[in-house]
C-alpha atoms as a PDB file:
ATOM      1  CA  MET A   1    -156.548 -72.732 211.281  1.00  0.00           C
ATOM      2  CA  GLY A   2    -156.641 -74.438 214.432  1.00  0.00           C
ATOM      3  CA  LYS A   3    -157.288 -77.854 212.520  1.00  0.00           C
ATOM      4  CA  ARG A   4    -154.412 -77.059 209.526  1.00  0.00           C
ATOM      5  CA  ALA A   5    -152.317 -76.026 212.045  1.00  0.00           C
ATOM      6  CA  LYS A   6    -152.836 -79.409 213.939  1.00  0.00           C
ATOM      7  CA  ARG A   7    -152.397 -81.333 210.559  1.00  0.00           C
ATOM      8  CA  ALA A   8    -149.499 -79.711 209.270  1.00  0.00           C
ATOM      9  CA  THR A   9    -147.408 -80.309 213.311  1.00  0.00           C
ATOM     10  CA  ALA A  10    -148.979 -84.075 212.998  1.00  0.00           C
ATOM     11  CA  SER A  11    -147.751 -84.412 209.384  1.00  0.00           C
ATOM     12  CA  LEU A  12    -144.048 -82.785 210.412  1.00  0.00           C
ATOM     13  CA  GLY A  13    -144.264 -85.186 213.663  1.00  0.00           C
ATOM     14  CA  SER A  14    -144.777 -87.915 211.185  1.00  0.00           C
ATOM     15  CA  VAL A  15    -141.891 -87.196 208.611  1.00  0.00           C
ATOM     16  CA  ALA A  16    -139.029 -86.341 211.794  1.00  0.00           C
ATOM     17  CA  HIS A  17    -139.955 -89.799 213.762  1.00  0.00           C
ATOM     18  CA  ARG A  18    -139.631 -91.356 210.556  1.00  0.00           C
ATOM     19  CA  SER A  19    -136.162 -89.903 209.541  1.00  0.00           C
ATOM     20  CA  ASP A  20    -135.221 -91.326 212.883  1.00  0.00           C
ATOM     21  CA  THR A  21    -136.232 -94.398 211.820  1.00  0.00           C
ATOM     22  CA  LEU A  22    -133.821 -94.747 209.016  1.00  0.00           C
ATOM     23  CA  THR A  23    -130.990 -92.826 210.468  1.00  0.00           C
ATOM     24  CA  ASN A  24    -131.142 -95.069 214.059  1.00  0.00           C
ATOM     25  CA  ARG A  25    -131.856 -98.731 211.161  1.00  0.00           C
ATOM     26  CA  PRO A  26    -128.398 -98.383 209.990  1.00  0.00           C
ATOM     27  CA  ARG A  27    -126.810 -97.827 214.086  1.00  0.00           C
ATOM     28  CA  ARG A  28    -128.501-100.500 214.952  1.00  0.00           C
ATOM     29  CA  ALA A  29    -127.774-103.250 212.146  1.00  0.00           C
ATOM     30  CA  SER A  30    -123.889-102.201 212.915  1.00  0.00           C
ATOM     31  CA  ALA A  31    -125.037-103.043 216.539  1.00  0.00           C
ATOM     32  CA  THR A  32    -126.272-106.318 216.129  1.00  0.00           C
ATOM     33  CA  ARG A  33    -123.222-107.517 213.673  1.00  0.00           C
ATOM     34  CA  ALA A  34    -120.971-106.481 216.525  1.00  0.00           C
ATOM     35  CA  SER A  35    -122.213-108.687 218.711  1.00  0.00           C
ATOM     36  CA  THR A  36    -122.589-110.868 216.560  1.00  0.00           C
ATOM     37  CA  TRP A  37    -118.691-111.232 216.375  1.00  0.00           C
ATOM     38  CA  LEU A  38    -117.541-110.516 219.934  1.00  0.00           C
ATOM     39  CA  MET A  39    -119.709-113.829 220.471  1.00  0.00           C
ATOM     40  CA  ALA A  40    -118.464-115.571 217.796  1.00  0.00           C
ATOM     41  CA  ALA A  41    -115.108-114.610 219.691  1.00  0.00           C
ATOM     42  CA  VAL A  42    -116.401-115.550 222.755  1.00  0.00           C
ATOM     43  CA  VAL A  43    -117.199-119.303 220.999  1.00  0.00           C
ATOM     44  CA  PHE A  44    -114.575-119.640 219.394  1.00  0.00           C
ATOM     45  CA  LEU A  45    -112.241-118.599 222.473  1.00  0.00           C
ATOM     46  CA  SER A  46    -114.332-120.907 224.842  1.00  0.00           C
ATOM     47  CA  ALA A  47    -113.781-123.666 222.494  1.00  0.00           C
ATOM     48  CA  LEU A  48    -109.264-122.862 221.852  1.00  0.00           C
ATOM     49  CA  LEU A  49    -109.011-122.531 225.645  1.00  0.00           C
ATOM     50  CA  LEU A  50    -111.167-125.873 226.345  1.00  0.00           C
ATOM     51  CA  TYR A  51    -108.553-128.522 223.877  1.00  0.00           C
ATOM     52  CA  ALA A  52    -105.463-126.093 224.147  1.00  0.00           C
ATOM     53  CA  ASN A  53    -104.139-128.352 226.213  1.00  0.00           C
ATOM     54  CA  ALA A  54    -104.744-132.009 223.679  1.00  0.00           C
ATOM     55  CA  ILE A  55    -101.892-129.565 221.427  1.00  0.00           C
ATOM     56  CA  GLY A  56     -99.246-130.535 223.625  1.00  0.00           C
ATOM     57  CA  HIS A  57     -99.728-134.081 223.502  1.00  0.00           C
ATOM     58  CA  ASP A  58     -98.459-136.972 220.499  1.00  0.00           C
ATOM     59  CA  TYR A  59     -99.916-139.775 218.779  1.00  0.00           C
ATOM     60  CA  ALA A  60    -103.242-141.038 220.863  1.00  0.00           C
ATOM     61  CA  LEU A  61    -105.260-144.729 220.160  1.00  0.00           C
ATOM     62  CA  ASP A  62    -105.722-145.069 216.245  1.00  0.00           C
ATOM     63  CA  ASP A  63    -103.791-141.834 215.051  1.00  0.00           C
ATOM     64  CA  TRP A  64    -101.365-143.821 213.382  1.00  0.00           C
ATOM     65  CA  MET A  65    -104.007-144.881 210.604  1.00  0.00           C
ATOM     66  CA  TYR A  66    -103.867-141.248 208.874  1.00  0.00           C
ATOM     67  CA  THR A  67     -99.759-140.414 210.095  1.00  0.00           C
ATOM     68  CA  THR A  68     -96.883-142.952 210.705  1.00  0.00           C
ATOM     69  CA  GLY A  69     -98.509-146.186 209.247  1.00  0.00           C
ATOM     70  CA  ASN A  70    -100.382-144.272 206.611  1.00  0.00           C
ATOM     71  CA  ALA A  71     -98.599-145.314 203.482  1.00  0.00           C
ATOM     72  CA  SER A  72    -100.257-142.325 201.364  1.00  0.00           C
ATOM     73  CA  VAL A  73     -99.622-140.090 203.739  1.00  0.00           C
ATOM     74  CA  ASN A  74     -95.606-140.780 204.553  1.00  0.00           C
ATOM     75  CA  GLN A  75     -94.919-139.864 200.709  1.00  0.00           C
ATOM     76  CA  GLY A  76     -96.859-136.216 201.389  1.00  0.00           C
ATOM     77  CA  LEU A  77     -98.536-134.716 198.441  1.00  0.00           C
ATOM     78  CA  SER A  78     -96.143-136.971 195.670  1.00  0.00           C
ATOM     79  CA  ALA A  79     -99.224-139.258 196.333  1.00  0.00           C
ATOM     80  CA  PHE A  80    -101.739-137.162 195.170  1.00  0.00           C
ATOM     81  CA  ALA A  81    -103.442-139.316 193.265  1.00  0.00           C
ATOM     82  CA  ASP A  82    -104.361-141.804 195.945  1.00  0.00           C
ATOM     83  CA  VAL A  83    -106.370-139.779 197.993  1.00  0.00           C
ATOM     84  CA  TRP A  84    -108.964-140.442 194.667  1.00  0.00           C
ATOM     85  CA  THR A  85    -108.337-143.591 193.928  1.00  0.00           C
ATOM     86  CA  LYS A  86    -107.669-145.331 197.057  1.00  0.00           C
ATOM     87  CA  GLY A  87    -108.860-145.558 200.162  1.00  0.00           C
ATOM     88  CA  SER A  88    -108.287-143.438 203.453  1.00  0.00           C
ATOM     89  CA  PHE A  89    -105.536-146.237 205.038  1.00  0.00           C
ATOM     90  CA  PRO A  90    -103.607-147.763 202.164  1.00  0.00           C
ATOM     91  CA  GLY A  91    -100.911-149.558 204.220  1.00  0.00           C
ATOM     92  CA  LEU A  92    -103.046-151.046 206.904  1.00  0.00           C
ATOM     93  CA  ASN A  93    -104.370-153.653 204.985  1.00  0.00           C
ATOM     94  CA  GLY A  94    -103.920-153.676 201.414  1.00  0.00           C
ATOM     95  CA  PRO A  95    -105.386-150.142 198.899  1.00  0.00           C
ATOM     96  CA  ASN A  96    -108.067-150.446 202.252  1.00  0.00           C
ATOM     97  CA  ALA A  97    -111.124-149.462 199.771  1.00  0.00           C
ATOM     98  CA  SER A  98    -113.723-149.530 202.759  1.00  0.00           C
ATOM     99  CA  ASN A  99    -113.060-145.857 204.354  1.00  0.00           C
ATOM    100  CA  TYR A 100    -113.066-143.847 200.963  1.00  0.00           C
ATOM    101  CA  ARG A 101    -112.339-139.782 202.489  1.00  0.00           C
ATOM    102  CA  PRO A 102    -109.990-138.401 200.226  1.00  0.00           C
ATOM    103  CA  LEU A 103    -110.191-134.352 201.557  1.00  0.00           C
ATOM    104  CA  ALA A 104    -109.397-135.408 205.132  1.00  0.00           C
ATOM    105  CA  LEU A 105    -106.731-137.913 203.606  1.00  0.00           C
ATOM    106  CA  PHE A 106    -105.235-134.907 201.594  1.00  0.00           C
ATOM    107  CA  SER A 107    -105.798-132.884 204.392  1.00  0.00           C
ATOM    108  CA  PHE A 108    -102.950-134.916 206.248  1.00  0.00           C
ATOM    109  CA  MET A 109    -101.836-135.149 203.175  1.00  0.00           C
ATOM    110  CA  VAL A 110    -100.911-131.171 203.199  1.00  0.00           C
ATOM    111  CA  GLU A 111     -99.980-131.531 206.578  1.00  0.00           C
ATOM    112  CA  LYS A 112     -96.808-133.882 205.830  1.00  0.00           C
ATOM    113  CA  GLN A 113     -95.383-132.713 203.241  1.00  0.00           C
ATOM    114  CA  ILE A 114     -95.953-128.536 205.201  1.00  0.00           C
ATOM    115  CA  PHE A 115     -94.524-129.539 208.697  1.00  0.00           C
ATOM    116  CA  GLY A 116     -93.497-133.365 208.439  1.00  0.00           C
ATOM    117  CA  LEU A 117     -95.057-135.713 210.868  1.00  0.00           C
ATOM    118  CA  ASP A 118     -95.367-133.714 213.843  1.00  0.00           C
ATOM    119  CA  PRO A 119     -98.518-134.508 216.491  1.00  0.00           C
ATOM    120  CA  HIS A 120     -98.482-131.040 217.817  1.00  0.00           C
ATOM    121  CA  ILE A 121     -99.290-129.661 214.345  1.00  0.00           C
ATOM    122  CA  GLY A 122    -101.851-131.990 214.354  1.00  0.00           C
ATOM    123  CA  HIS A 123    -103.587-131.800 217.328  1.00  0.00           C
ATOM    124  CA  LEU A 124    -103.327-128.121 216.687  1.00  0.00           C
ATOM    125  CA  ILE A 125    -105.029-128.421 213.752  1.00  0.00           C
ATOM    126  CA  ASN A 126    -108.119-130.233 215.549  1.00  0.00           C
ATOM    127  CA  VAL A 127    -107.973-127.473 217.805  1.00  0.00           C
ATOM    128  CA  LEU A 128    -109.087-124.794 215.350  1.00  0.00           C
ATOM    129  CA  LEU A 129    -111.560-126.686 213.253  1.00  0.00           C
ATOM    130  CA  PHE A 130    -113.195-127.223 216.311  1.00  0.00           C
ATOM    131  CA  ALA A 131    -113.287-124.015 217.086  1.00  0.00           C
ATOM    132  CA  LEU A 132    -114.355-122.673 213.874  1.00  0.00           C
ATOM    133  CA  SER A 133    -117.668-125.441 213.773  1.00  0.00           C
ATOM    134  CA  CYS A 134    -119.001-124.059 216.968  1.00  0.00           C
ATOM    135  CA  VAL A 135    -118.653-120.367 215.399  1.00  0.00           C
ATOM    136  CA  LEU A 136    -120.230-121.249 212.546  1.00  0.00           C
ATOM    137  CA  ILE A 137    -122.624-123.127 214.527  1.00  0.00           C
ATOM    138  CA  TYR A 138    -123.623-120.288 216.161  1.00  0.00           C
ATOM    139  CA  VAL A 139    -123.892-118.225 213.078  1.00  0.00           C
ATOM    140  CA  LEU A 140    -126.097-120.695 212.200  1.00  0.00           C
ATOM    141  CA  LEU A 141    -128.044-120.585 214.945  1.00  0.00           C
ATOM    142  CA  THR A 142    -128.519-116.535 214.761  1.00  0.00           C
ATOM    143  CA  ARG A 143    -130.463-117.028 210.723  1.00  0.00           C
ATOM    144  CA  LEU A 144    -132.289-119.876 211.834  1.00  0.00           C
ATOM    145  CA  PHE A 145    -133.560-118.144 214.923  1.00  0.00           C
ATOM    146  CA  PRO A 146    -133.159-114.167 213.846  1.00  0.00           C
ATOM    147  CA  THR A 147    -135.555-112.915 216.540  1.00  0.00           C
ATOM    148  CA  LEU A 148    -134.230-114.766 219.535  1.00  0.00           C
ATOM    149  CA  ASN A 149    -131.666-112.426 221.729  1.00  0.00           C
ATOM    150  CA  ARG A 150    -128.407-113.666 220.439  1.00  0.00           C
ATOM    151  CA  ALA A 151    -127.913-114.681 223.920  1.00  0.00           C
ATOM    152  CA  PHE A 152    -129.899-117.732 223.829  1.00  0.00           C
ATOM    153  CA  PRO A 153    -127.558-118.999 220.448  1.00  0.00           C
ATOM    154  CA  LEU A 154    -124.742-118.258 222.504  1.00  0.00           C
ATOM    155  CA  LEU A 155    -125.591-120.521 225.537  1.00  0.00           C
ATOM    156  CA  MET A 156    -127.014-123.315 223.039  1.00  0.00           C
ATOM    157  CA  VAL A 157    -123.764-123.135 221.222  1.00  0.00           C
ATOM    158  CA  LEU A 158    -121.529-123.326 223.840  1.00  0.00           C
ATOM    159  CA  LEU A 159    -123.472-126.291 226.226  1.00  0.00           C
ATOM    160  CA  PHE A 160    -122.503-127.816 222.542  1.00  0.00           C
ATOM    161  CA  VAL A 161    -118.532-127.029 223.115  1.00  0.00           C
ATOM    162  CA  PHE A 162    -118.427-128.217 226.630  1.00  0.00           C
ATOM    163  CA  HIS A 163    -120.063-131.552 226.220  1.00  0.00           C
ATOM    164  CA  PRO A 164    -117.818-133.880 226.432  1.00  0.00           C
ATOM    165  CA  VAL A 165    -119.226-136.201 223.426  1.00  0.00           C
ATOM    166  CA  HIS A 166    -116.730-134.242 221.414  1.00  0.00           C
ATOM    167  CA  VAL A 167    -113.121-135.361 223.002  1.00  0.00           C
ATOM    168  CA  GLU A 168    -112.418-138.518 221.239  1.00  0.00           C
ATOM    169  CA  ALA A 169    -113.308-135.896 217.538  1.00  0.00           C
ATOM    170  CA  VAL A 170    -111.209-133.257 218.639  1.00  0.00           C
ATOM    171  CA  ALA A 171    -108.186-134.707 220.765  1.00  0.00           C
ATOM    172  CA  ASN A 172    -106.983-137.399 218.349  1.00  0.00           C
ATOM    173  CA  ILE A 173    -105.962-136.647 215.429  1.00  0.00           C
ATOM    174  CA  LYS A 174    -107.863-138.990 213.343  1.00  0.00           C
ATOM    175  CA  GLY A 175    -110.609-137.265 214.260  1.00  0.00           C
ATOM    176  CA  ARG A 176    -110.318-134.575 211.551  1.00  0.00           C
ATOM    177  CA  ASP A 177    -112.568-136.096 209.595  1.00  0.00           C
ATOM    178  CA  ASP A 178    -115.478-135.924 211.792  1.00  0.00           C
ATOM    179  CA  LEU A 179    -114.178-132.381 212.220  1.00  0.00           C
ATOM    180  CA  LEU A 180    -114.259-131.719 208.360  1.00  0.00           C
ATOM    181  CA  CYS A 181    -117.736-133.728 207.867  1.00  0.00           C
ATOM    182  CA  LEU A 182    -118.810-131.128 209.924  1.00  0.00           C
ATOM    183  CA  CYS A 183    -117.124-127.998 209.356  1.00  0.00           C
ATOM    184  CA  PHE A 184    -118.881-128.814 205.576  1.00  0.00           C
ATOM    185  CA  ALA A 185    -122.041-129.458 206.792  1.00  0.00           C
ATOM    186  CA  ILE A 186    -122.981-126.416 208.915  1.00  0.00           C
ATOM    187  CA  VAL A 187    -121.276-124.233 205.607  1.00  0.00           C
ATOM    188  CA  SER A 188    -123.710-126.118 203.504  1.00  0.00           C
ATOM    189  CA  LEU A 189    -127.068-125.468 205.308  1.00  0.00           C
ATOM    190  CA  LEU A 190    -125.560-121.641 205.524  1.00  0.00           C
ATOM    191  CA  GLN A 191    -125.611-121.587 202.251  1.00  0.00           C
ATOM    192  CA  ILE A 192    -128.714-122.968 202.029  1.00  0.00           C
ATOM    193  CA  HIS A 193    -130.567-120.264 203.834  1.00  0.00           C
ATOM    194  CA  ARG A 194    -129.122-117.829 202.375  1.00  0.00           C
ATOM    195  CA  TYR A 195    -130.122-118.903 199.405  1.00  0.00           C
ATOM    196  CA  SER A 196    -133.726-119.162 200.565  1.00  0.00           C
ATOM    197  CA  ARG A 197    -133.789-115.503 201.399  1.00  0.00           C
ATOM    198  CA  THR A 198    -130.961-114.451 198.757  1.00  0.00           C
ATOM    199  CA  LEU A 199    -132.507-116.911 195.236  1.00  0.00           C
ATOM    200  CA  GLN A 200    -128.922-116.462 193.979  1.00  0.00           C
ATOM    201  CA  ALA A 201    -127.400-119.334 191.957  1.00  0.00           C
ATOM    202  CA  ALA A 202    -123.755-118.993 193.763  1.00  0.00           C
ATOM    203  CA  SER A 203    -125.140-119.418 197.224  1.00  0.00           C
ATOM    204  CA  TYR A 204    -126.814-122.056 195.954  1.00  0.00           C
ATOM    205  CA  TRP A 205    -123.819-123.663 193.939  1.00  0.00           C
ATOM    206  CA  SER A 206    -121.465-123.378 197.127  1.00  0.00           C
ATOM    207  CA  SER A 207    -123.908-125.495 199.241  1.00  0.00           C
ATOM    208  CA  VAL A 208    -124.058-127.995 197.006  1.00  0.00           C
ATOM    209  CA  LEU A 209    -120.048-128.055 196.932  1.00  0.00           C
ATOM    210  CA  SER A 210    -119.783-127.992 200.924  1.00  0.00           C
ATOM    211  CA  PHE A 211    -121.805-131.233 200.607  1.00  0.00           C
ATOM    212  CA  ALA A 212    -120.335-132.909 198.379  1.00  0.00           C
ATOM    213  CA  ALA A 213    -117.226-131.780 200.512  1.00  0.00           C
ATOM    214  CA  CYS A 214    -118.942-132.870 203.622  1.00  0.00           C
ATOM    215  CA  VAL A 215    -119.574-136.017 202.166  1.00  0.00           C
ATOM    216  CA  LEU A 216    -115.973-136.656 200.720  1.00  0.00           C
ATOM    217  CA  SER A 217    -114.673-135.780 204.296  1.00  0.00           C
ATOM    218  CA  LYS A 218    -115.911-138.658 205.669  1.00  0.00           C
ATOM    219  CA  GLU A 219    -118.932-140.565 204.240  1.00  0.00           C
ATOM    220  CA  SER A 220    -121.315-140.742 207.553  1.00  0.00           C
ATOM    221  CA  GLY A 221    -121.903-136.702 206.294  1.00  0.00           C
ATOM    222  CA  VAL A 222    -124.568-137.994 203.403  1.00  0.00           C
ATOM    223  CA  THR A 223    -127.479-137.951 205.912  1.00  0.00           C
ATOM    224  CA  PHE A 224    -127.057-134.463 205.687  1.00  0.00           C
ATOM    225  CA  LEU A 225    -129.628-135.266 202.679  1.00  0.00           C
ATOM    226  CA  LEU A 226    -132.609-135.768 205.006  1.00  0.00           C
ATOM    227  CA  VAL A 227    -131.068-132.876 207.302  1.00  0.00           C
ATOM    228  CA  ILE A 228    -131.096-130.125 204.897  1.00  0.00           C
ATOM    229  CA  PRO A 229    -134.290-130.342 202.996  1.00  0.00           C
ATOM    230  CA  LEU A 230    -135.540-130.511 207.033  1.00  0.00           C
ATOM    231  CA  ALA A 231    -134.218-127.616 208.044  1.00  0.00           C
ATOM    232  CA  LEU A 232    -135.540-125.647 204.266  1.00  0.00           C
ATOM    233  CA  TYR A 233    -139.077-126.900 204.831  1.00  0.00           C
ATOM    234  CA  PHE A 234    -138.968-125.786 209.286  1.00  0.00           C
ATOM    235  CA  PHE A 235    -136.914-122.418 209.302  1.00  0.00           C
ATOM    236  CA  THR A 236    -137.079-120.665 205.115  1.00  0.00           C
ATOM    237  CA  GLN A 237    -139.833-119.653 203.012  1.00  0.00           C
ATOM    238  CA  ILE A 238    -139.294-122.560 200.436  1.00  0.00           C
ATOM    239  CA  ALA A 239    -141.859-124.806 199.224  1.00  0.00           C
ATOM    240  CA  LEU A 240    -140.644-128.117 199.358  1.00  0.00           C
ATOM    241  CA  SER A 241    -143.817-130.059 197.655  1.00  0.00           C
ATOM    242  CA  ILE A 242    -143.806-131.096 194.327  1.00  0.00           C
ATOM    243  CA  PRO A 243    -146.219-128.692 191.972  1.00  0.00           C
ATOM    244  CA  ARG A 244    -149.819-130.605 191.471  1.00  0.00           C
ATOM    245  CA  PRO A 245    -150.466-130.395 187.743  1.00  0.00           C
ATOM    246  CA  THR A 246    -153.570-128.203 186.746  1.00  0.00           C
ATOM    247  CA  ALA A 247    -156.867-128.763 184.292  1.00  0.00           C
ATOM    248  CA  CYS A 248    -154.310-126.917 181.472  1.00  0.00           C
ATOM    249  CA  ASP A 249    -151.823-129.149 182.232  1.00  0.00           C
ATOM    250  CA  VAL A 250    -153.418-132.727 182.173  1.00  0.00           C
ATOM    251  CA  SER A 251    -155.287-131.583 178.941  1.00  0.00           C
ATOM    252  CA  ASP A 252    -151.727-131.087 176.974  1.00  0.00           C
ATOM    253  CA  LEU A 253    -150.939-134.694 178.116  1.00  0.00           C
ATOM    254  CA  ARG A 254    -154.210-135.835 177.003  1.00  0.00           C
ATOM    255  CA  ARG A 255    -154.004-134.580 173.382  1.00  0.00           C
END
C-alpha cells in the first residue's frame, strides 16, 4: 500500500506540475510580448528625439533634386506616369533616366499633393521612417536571436540609432530613398523568416513584394539578393542546397 500511495502521490505531483506549466506558459508569452513592445517603444522614441531638431530645418544640400527642382514632383499626382516612365530627377538633366527610384519619387509626389512643398513635413516623414526602420531592426534581431535576453537586441539597435553615419540620410530630405530602401528590406527579411517557420505562401509573397519595393526605392537594394539567402542559411532551418539526383532519377533520364 505504501508503494502505491507513493506512486499516486508522484503521479498527482506530475499532473500538477504539468498544469502549472500550461498555466504559466501564456503568462510568460504575454510578458515577453509586453517586454518587446516596451523596448520597441524605447527604440522608436530614441530615434525620434535624436533627430527631432531636423524637423525645423529648411531644405539642405541636394534636397532640391526631389523637391523644388523636380519637374514631376512639382506637378503632384497629375504626373503619376512619370514615376514609371522617367528617372527620379526629371527636369534636372533632361529625363534623367540614370536613377530609377519610382517609389521614392512617388512618395514625394504624394507629399506635394497633400502638403505642398513644405520642408518641415519632408523632414518629419524622414525622421518617422528612420524610427520605424529601427523598430523593425529590433524586431528582426529578436527573431534571429530568440534565446538572447531582450536587452541585447535593444543595445545593438540603440548603437545603430545613435551612430552618426545615418545623419545624412535622415537629416537630408533626399535621403528618403535610402530610408525606404532600408525599411522595405527589413520587412522582406522579417517575412521570409516567418515563412521559414510557418511555410505560409502569404509570408513568402509579401517578402518578394517587399524586396521589389526595396529595389524600386533605391537600386542599391539589390544587394539584399545576397543578404536574404545568407540570413536564411545561418538563422533558419531552410535548406538552400540543390538536391542531388537519386539513382532512380538517373535511370529515368537514361530511358
